[in-house]
Amino acid sequence: MITGCKREEIHSYSVPKEQVVAASTQEPSSAPKQEVTWIVPDAWQEVETTVQMRLATFETSQGLDVAVTAFPGDVGGLIANVNRWEGQVGLPSSNEQTINESIQRLEGVNVIIVDLAGESSRLIGSIIDVGDGKTWFAKVIGPAETVEQIKTDLVAFSASFHLHDSTHNHGNESQSEPQQIDNTPPIDWLPPEEWKAEKNASSILMAAFKSDSGARITLTTLGGQGGGYLSNINRWRGQLGMDMVDSMSDQPIEDLGNEALIVDLVSDENASRIMAGIVPIGGQTLFFKLTGSLEQTTPEIERFKAFVIGAGIASQDQP
């Protein structure tokens, strides 16, 4: 079932482990559950799912529906799934020689993006393998120009899918507070005294703070590269109403070494800022995010950079 977390940046879908792999059906009931976690773009709102077989439905600010589904196995394989979507927009079926014209394999994650433009509509779908024995799908269909507006968010959303064990008992809401996920990288840091921990932040966030100036600071972790640098930068640009870019070469990036970086993005109207830090550590990537108006975020820039750099230094000592 969908876990009942508040509308934050992160959403979880929890499945008993025996539903993931047949061999695990004999495991004792105390065995951990598998939880698939994803990051919901700021401009999307989850709505009631009325379509059978959907696990979640999100409405974008453009009025499009993004559907999330999952099925056991590979559901016929890549070509079969692409052919099914091609039929939905009135296109002829691809074969092994032509299928690469419609797909993009994301770097660092097991995600394939399928982009299909028919005469009257366009479909963008993702085929996601998080390692739980299922194939996950995220799909949007609608007018070509409108679908193009959410492509960056859909790609980043798909890249954020991540599997981990959870010890939280979702079947009993009277249990004690949810436990933190157990794959948190071992990092030692102290937040600045000007930052106060959010009381009602999602338990899946590693940390969330509000600064005295009103800015928000969050820290999340994703497996592997979390979709890659450019994909995440484009997602953040989209959140600020900025256009996508094809390269990071002209972006306001500060290289921290060891593949860590900070990017400082300000909206075209100078109304809002997203400063983000990306720090690889072990087999995961940490994402730090400072958000708010320029008035709120400017006083926090140096503290935020020190916070990110401190985590980067700590990561050098990890095995």
Protein backbone atom coordinates (compact mmCIF):
# COMPACT_ATOMS: atom_id res chain seq x y z
CA MET A 1 0.00 0.00 0.00
CA ILE A 2 1.02 3.61 -0.32
CA THR A 3 2.41 4.80 2.98
CA GLY A 4 0.56 7.69 4.53
CA CYS A 5 3.33 10.26 4.68
CA LYS A 6 2.69 13.97 4.42
CA ARG A 7 3.29 15.80 1.14
CA GLU A 8 7.04 16.29 1.24
CA GLU A 9 9.72 15.91 -1.38
CA ILE A 10 9.87 12.15 -0.93
CA HIS A 11 7.23 9.46 -1.32
CA SER A 12 7.41 5.80 -0.37
CA TYR A 13 5.64 2.71 -1.62
CA SER A 14 5.95 -0.22 0.76
CA VAL A 15 5.48 -3.87 -0.16
CA PRO A 16 5.83 -6.93 2.08
CA LYS A 17 9.04 -8.71 1.11
CA GLU A 18 7.21 -11.93 0.18
CA GLN A 19 5.45 -10.03 -2.61
CA VAL A 20 8.78 -9.05 -4.12
CA VAL A 21 10.45 -12.41 -4.62
CA ALA A 22 8.77 -15.80 -4.53
CA ALA A 23 11.59 -17.31 -2.47
CA SER A 24 10.97 -14.88 0.35
CA THR A 25 7.42 -16.03 1.00
CA GLN A 26 8.81 -18.48 3.53
CA GLU A 27 10.60 -15.81 5.53
CA PRO A 28 9.30 -15.07 9.04
CA SER A 29 6.88 -12.19 9.48
CA SER A 30 9.59 -10.16 11.20
CA ALA A 31 11.57 -9.94 7.93
CA PRO A 32 12.09 -6.36 6.73
CA LYS A 33 9.85 -4.87 4.10
CA GLN A 34 11.08 -3.50 0.80
CA GLU A 35 10.32 0.16 0.27
CA VAL A 36 10.53 1.91 -3.08
CA THR A 37 11.12 5.61 -2.58
CA TRP A 38 10.88 8.43 -5.08
CA ILE A 39 11.17 12.22 -5.08
CA VAL A 40 8.04 14.07 -6.24
CA PRO A 41 8.65 17.28 -8.22
CA ASP A 42 7.45 20.39 -6.42
CA ALA A 43 4.95 21.22 -9.16
CA TRP A 44 3.17 17.85 -8.90
CA GLN A 45 0.35 16.96 -6.53
CA GLU A 46 -0.70 13.40 -5.73
CA VAL A 47 -4.38 12.80 -6.49
CA GLU A 48 -6.72 9.94 -5.77
CA THR A 49 -5.97 6.90 -7.91
CA THR A 50 -9.16 5.55 -9.47
CA VAL A 51 -7.65 3.56 -12.34
CA GLN A 52 -7.20 -0.12 -11.58
CA MET A 53 -3.56 -1.32 -11.34
CA ARG A 54 -2.17 2.17 -10.75
CA LEU A 55 -0.10 2.57 -7.61
CA ALA A 56 -0.03 6.37 -7.69
CA THR A 57 -1.28 9.25 -9.81
CA PHE A 58 0.18 12.75 -9.86
CA GLU A 59 -1.31 15.87 -11.44
CA THR A 60 1.18 18.35 -12.87
CA SER A 61 0.74 22.12 -12.88
CA GLN A 62 -0.05 21.82 -16.60
CA GLY A 63 -3.02 19.54 -15.85
CA LEU A 64 -1.38 16.31 -17.03
CA ASP A 65 -1.66 13.00 -15.18
CA VAL A 66 1.48 11.00 -14.42
CA ALA A 67 0.69 7.35 -13.71
CA VAL A 68 2.90 4.99 -11.68
CA THR A 69 2.50 1.23 -12.04
CA ALA A 70 4.56 -1.87 -11.28
CA PHE A 71 4.31 -5.48 -12.43
CA PRO A 72 6.28 -8.65 -11.66
CA GLY A 73 9.16 -9.59 -13.95
CA ASP A 74 10.06 -7.72 -17.13
CA VAL A 75 6.48 -7.58 -18.47
CA GLY A 76 7.53 -8.94 -21.86
CA GLY A 77 10.77 -6.99 -22.17
CA LEU A 78 11.77 -3.63 -23.59
CA ILE A 79 10.45 -4.03 -27.13
CA ALA A 80 7.06 -5.31 -25.97
CA ASN A 81 6.59 -2.39 -23.60
CA VAL A 82 7.66 0.19 -26.18
CA ASN A 83 5.36 -1.40 -28.76
CA ARG A 84 2.44 -1.19 -26.32
CA TRP A 85 3.02 2.54 -25.85
CA GLU A 86 3.52 3.08 -29.58
CA GLY A 87 0.07 1.64 -30.13
CA GLN A 88 -1.40 4.14 -27.66
CA VAL A 89 -0.24 7.09 -29.79
CA GLY A 90 -0.91 5.48 -33.16
CA LEU A 91 2.67 4.68 -34.15
CA PRO A 92 3.90 1.53 -35.90
CA SER A 93 5.79 -0.96 -33.75
CA SER A 94 9.55 -0.65 -33.41
CA ASN A 95 11.90 -3.59 -33.74
CA GLU A 96 15.44 -4.33 -32.57
CA GLN A 97 16.90 -2.21 -35.37
CA THR A 98 14.73 0.89 -34.82
CA ILE A 99 13.94 0.94 -31.10
CA ASN A 100 17.00 2.98 -30.13
CA GLU A 101 15.51 5.97 -31.96
CA SER A 102 12.87 6.29 -29.23
CA ILE A 103 14.73 5.44 -26.03
CA GLN A 104 17.31 7.02 -23.74
CA ARG A 105 19.20 5.10 -21.05
CA LEU A 106 19.94 7.24 -18.01
CA GLU A 107 23.42 7.33 -16.56
CA GLY A 108 23.98 5.75 -13.15
CA VAL A 109 20.52 4.20 -12.74
CA ASN A 110 18.64 1.36 -14.41
CA VAL A 111 16.07 3.60 -16.11
CA ILE A 112 15.01 3.82 -19.75
CA ILE A 113 13.09 6.87 -21.00
CA VAL A 114 10.77 6.33 -23.95
CA ASP A 115 9.64 9.40 -25.93
CA LEU A 116 6.97 8.83 -28.58
CA ALA A 117 5.27 11.54 -30.65
CA GLY A 118 2.12 10.57 -32.51
CA GLU A 119 0.03 12.76 -34.80
CA SER A 120 -2.29 14.01 -32.05
CA SER A 121 -0.49 13.22 -28.81
CA ARG A 122 2.88 12.57 -27.24
CA LEU A 123 3.79 9.92 -24.69
CA ILE A 124 6.81 9.92 -22.41
CA GLY A 125 7.26 6.86 -20.28
CA SER A 126 9.98 5.41 -18.12
CA ILE A 127 10.87 1.79 -17.50
CA ILE A 128 12.50 1.45 -14.09
CA ASP A 129 14.28 -1.49 -12.47
CA VAL A 130 15.08 -0.91 -8.79
CA GLY A 131 15.95 -4.54 -8.08
CA ASP A 132 12.77 -5.66 -6.32
CA GLY A 133 11.77 -8.24 -8.93
CA LYS A 134 9.28 -5.89 -10.57
CA THR A 135 9.34 -3.45 -13.47
CA TRP A 136 8.14 0.02 -12.53
CA PHE A 137 6.60 2.42 -15.03
CA ALA A 138 5.91 6.17 -14.95
CA LYS A 139 3.96 7.55 -17.90
CA VAL A 140 2.38 10.74 -19.14
CA ILE A 141 0.41 11.29 -22.34
CA GLY A 142 -1.04 14.50 -23.76
CA PRO A 143 -0.48 17.34 -26.25
CA ALA A 144 3.12 17.40 -27.47
CA GLU A 145 4.00 20.92 -26.29
CA THR A 146 2.47 20.37 -22.85
CA VAL A 147 4.21 17.04 -22.36
CA GLU A 148 7.53 18.64 -23.32
CA GLN A 149 7.14 21.06 -20.39
CA ILE A 150 7.27 18.25 -17.83
CA LYS A 151 9.87 16.01 -19.47
CA THR A 152 12.68 17.22 -17.22
CA ASP A 153 10.62 16.56 -14.10
CA LEU A 154 9.53 13.13 -15.34
CA VAL A 155 13.12 12.10 -16.07
CA ALA A 156 14.30 13.26 -12.65
CA PHE A 157 11.30 11.60 -10.97
CA SER A 158 12.09 8.31 -12.69
CA ALA A 159 15.78 8.52 -11.81
CA SER A 160 14.92 9.03 -8.14
CA PHE A 161 13.29 5.59 -7.65
CA HIS A 162 15.27 3.76 -5.00
CA LEU A 163 14.86 0.49 -3.06
CA HIS A 164 15.80 -0.08 0.56
CA ASP A 165 14.73 -2.16 3.55
CA SER A 166 12.41 -0.51 6.03
CA THR A 167 11.83 -1.55 9.62
CA HIS A 168 8.74 0.61 10.01
CA ASN A 169 5.57 -1.39 10.60
CA HIS A 170 3.07 0.18 8.19
CA GLY A 171 0.34 -2.20 9.23
CA ASN A 172 -0.04 -0.74 12.73
CA GLU A 173 -0.38 3.03 12.95
CA SER A 174 -0.40 2.81 16.76
CA GLN A 175 3.24 1.76 16.78
CA SER A 176 5.96 4.13 17.92
CA GLU A 177 7.33 6.80 15.58
CA PRO A 178 8.63 5.57 12.19
CA GLN A 179 12.26 4.58 12.26
CA GLN A 180 14.78 6.16 9.94
CA ILE A 181 15.83 4.14 6.93
CA ASP A 182 18.87 2.06 7.74
CA ASN A 183 21.04 2.96 4.76
CA THR A 184 22.03 6.41 5.94
CA PRO A 185 25.71 7.03 5.17
CA PRO A 186 27.82 7.38 8.31
CA ILE A 187 28.52 11.10 8.21
CA ASP A 188 29.32 13.28 11.20
CA TRP A 189 28.29 16.92 10.96
CA LEU A 190 26.80 19.66 13.10
CA PRO A 191 24.30 22.07 11.53
CA PRO A 192 24.80 25.79 12.15
CA GLU A 193 23.08 27.11 15.26
CA GLU A 194 21.03 29.43 13.03
CA TRP A 195 19.27 26.36 11.59
CA LYS A 196 16.46 24.66 13.48
CA ALA A 197 15.37 21.10 12.73
CA GLU A 198 11.88 20.82 11.20
CA LYS A 199 9.53 19.08 13.61
CA ASN A 200 7.27 17.47 11.00
CA ALA A 201 9.75 16.63 8.25
CA SER A 202 9.38 13.29 6.48
CA SER A 203 11.18 10.48 8.31
CA ILE A 204 12.77 9.51 4.99
CA LEU A 205 14.69 12.78 4.79
CA MET A 206 18.13 12.51 6.34
CA ALA A 207 17.71 16.04 7.65
CA ALA A 208 15.51 19.12 7.20
CA PHE A 209 16.06 22.57 8.70
CA LYS A 210 14.60 26.08 8.69
CA SER A 211 17.06 28.94 8.99
CA ASP A 212 16.46 32.05 11.07
CA SER A 213 16.19 33.92 7.76
CA GLY A 214 13.34 31.66 6.56
CA ALA A 215 15.23 29.49 4.06
CA ARG A 216 14.74 25.73 3.98
CA ILE A 217 17.62 23.25 3.94
CA THR A 218 17.10 19.56 3.19
CA LEU A 219 19.35 16.55 2.82
CA THR A 220 18.37 13.39 0.96
CA THR A 221 20.25 10.33 -0.27
CA LEU A 222 19.73 8.20 -3.36
CA GLY A 223 21.43 5.07 -4.60
CA GLY A 224 24.15 5.29 -7.24
CA GLN A 225 24.34 8.64 -9.01
CA GLY A 226 20.69 9.48 -8.35
CA GLY A 227 20.05 10.21 -12.02
CA GLY A 228 23.28 12.08 -12.74
CA TYR A 229 24.40 15.68 -12.37
CA LEU A 230 22.77 17.19 -15.46
CA SER A 231 19.41 15.53 -14.88
CA ASN A 232 19.18 16.92 -11.36
CA ILE A 233 20.37 20.38 -12.39
CA ASN A 234 17.70 20.47 -15.09
CA ARG A 235 15.08 19.36 -12.54
CA TRP A 236 16.04 22.21 -10.23
CA ARG A 237 16.08 24.67 -13.15
CA GLY A 238 12.57 23.50 -14.00
CA GLN A 239 11.44 24.17 -10.44
CA LEU A 240 12.59 27.77 -10.90
CA GLY A 241 10.85 28.12 -14.27
CA MET A 242 14.14 28.06 -16.17
CA ASP A 243 14.83 26.28 -19.45
CA MET A 244 16.67 22.99 -19.67
CA VAL A 245 20.34 22.98 -20.63
CA ASP A 246 22.28 20.41 -22.65
CA SER A 247 25.57 20.83 -20.83
CA MET A 248 26.88 21.79 -17.40
CA SER A 249 29.74 23.79 -18.92
CA ASP A 250 28.02 27.17 -18.55
CA GLN A 251 26.28 26.48 -15.25
CA PRO A 252 27.22 28.30 -12.01
CA ILE A 253 29.05 25.33 -10.50
CA GLU A 254 31.69 25.22 -7.77
CA ASP A 255 33.83 22.07 -7.93
CA LEU A 256 34.52 20.70 -4.44
CA GLY A 257 36.74 17.84 -5.59
CA ASN A 258 36.11 14.11 -5.29
CA GLU A 259 33.21 14.51 -7.78
CA ALA A 260 31.29 16.74 -5.34
CA LEU A 261 29.92 20.10 -6.46
CA ILE A 262 27.65 22.99 -5.57
CA VAL A 263 25.36 24.67 -8.10
CA ASP A 264 23.73 28.07 -7.48
CA LEU A 265 20.55 28.63 -9.50
CA VAL A 266 18.54 31.86 -9.39
CA SER A 267 15.24 32.30 -11.25
CA ASP A 268 15.09 34.66 -14.22
CA GLU A 269 13.13 37.22 -12.18
CA ASN A 270 15.66 36.97 -9.31
CA ALA A 271 12.75 35.91 -7.11
CA SER A 272 13.87 32.47 -5.97
CA ARG A 273 17.07 30.50 -5.46
CA ILE A 274 17.98 26.84 -5.33
CA MET A 275 21.53 26.20 -4.18
CA ALA A 276 22.26 22.50 -4.25
CA GLY A 277 25.18 20.34 -3.26
CA ILE A 278 25.83 16.93 -4.80
CA VAL A 279 28.21 14.71 -2.83
CA PRO A 280 28.89 11.08 -3.87
CA ILE A 281 29.68 8.83 -0.92
CA GLY A 282 30.21 5.10 -1.26
CA GLY A 283 27.43 3.68 -3.44
CA GLN A 284 25.10 6.60 -2.78
CA THR A 285 24.79 10.30 -3.54
CA LEU A 286 23.89 12.99 -1.01
CA PHE A 287 21.74 15.89 -2.21
CA PHE A 288 21.81 19.09 -0.15
CA LYS A 289 19.31 21.80 -1.06
CA LEU A 290 18.94 25.41 0.07
CA THR A 291 15.68 26.99 -1.15
CA GLY A 292 13.79 30.24 -0.70
CA SER A 293 13.80 33.82 -1.86
CA LEU A 294 17.07 35.67 -2.40
CA GLU A 295 16.42 37.57 0.82
CA GLN A 296 16.01 34.30 2.73
CA THR A 297 18.85 32.35 1.15
CA THR A 298 21.64 34.92 0.77
CA PRO A 299 22.47 35.04 4.51
CA GLU A 300 22.77 31.24 4.51
CA ILE A 301 25.09 30.73 1.53
CA GLU A 302 28.37 30.52 3.42
CA ARG A 303 26.86 28.34 6.14
CA PHE A 304 25.32 26.07 3.52
CA LYS A 305 28.60 25.72 1.63
CA ALA A 306 30.44 24.87 4.84
CA PHE A 307 27.77 22.28 5.64
CA VAL A 308 28.15 20.61 2.23
CA ILE A 309 31.95 20.80 2.24
CA GLY A 310 32.02 19.25 5.71
CA ALA A 311 30.06 16.25 4.47
CA GLY A 312 32.36 16.01 1.45
CA ILE A 313 35.44 15.91 3.67
CA ALA A 314 33.82 13.26 5.87
CA SER A 315 33.04 11.16 2.80
CA GLN A 316 36.74 10.94 1.91
CA ASP A 317 37.24 8.82 5.03
CA GLN A 318 34.52 6.33 4.12
CA PRO A 319 35.53 2.89 2.75
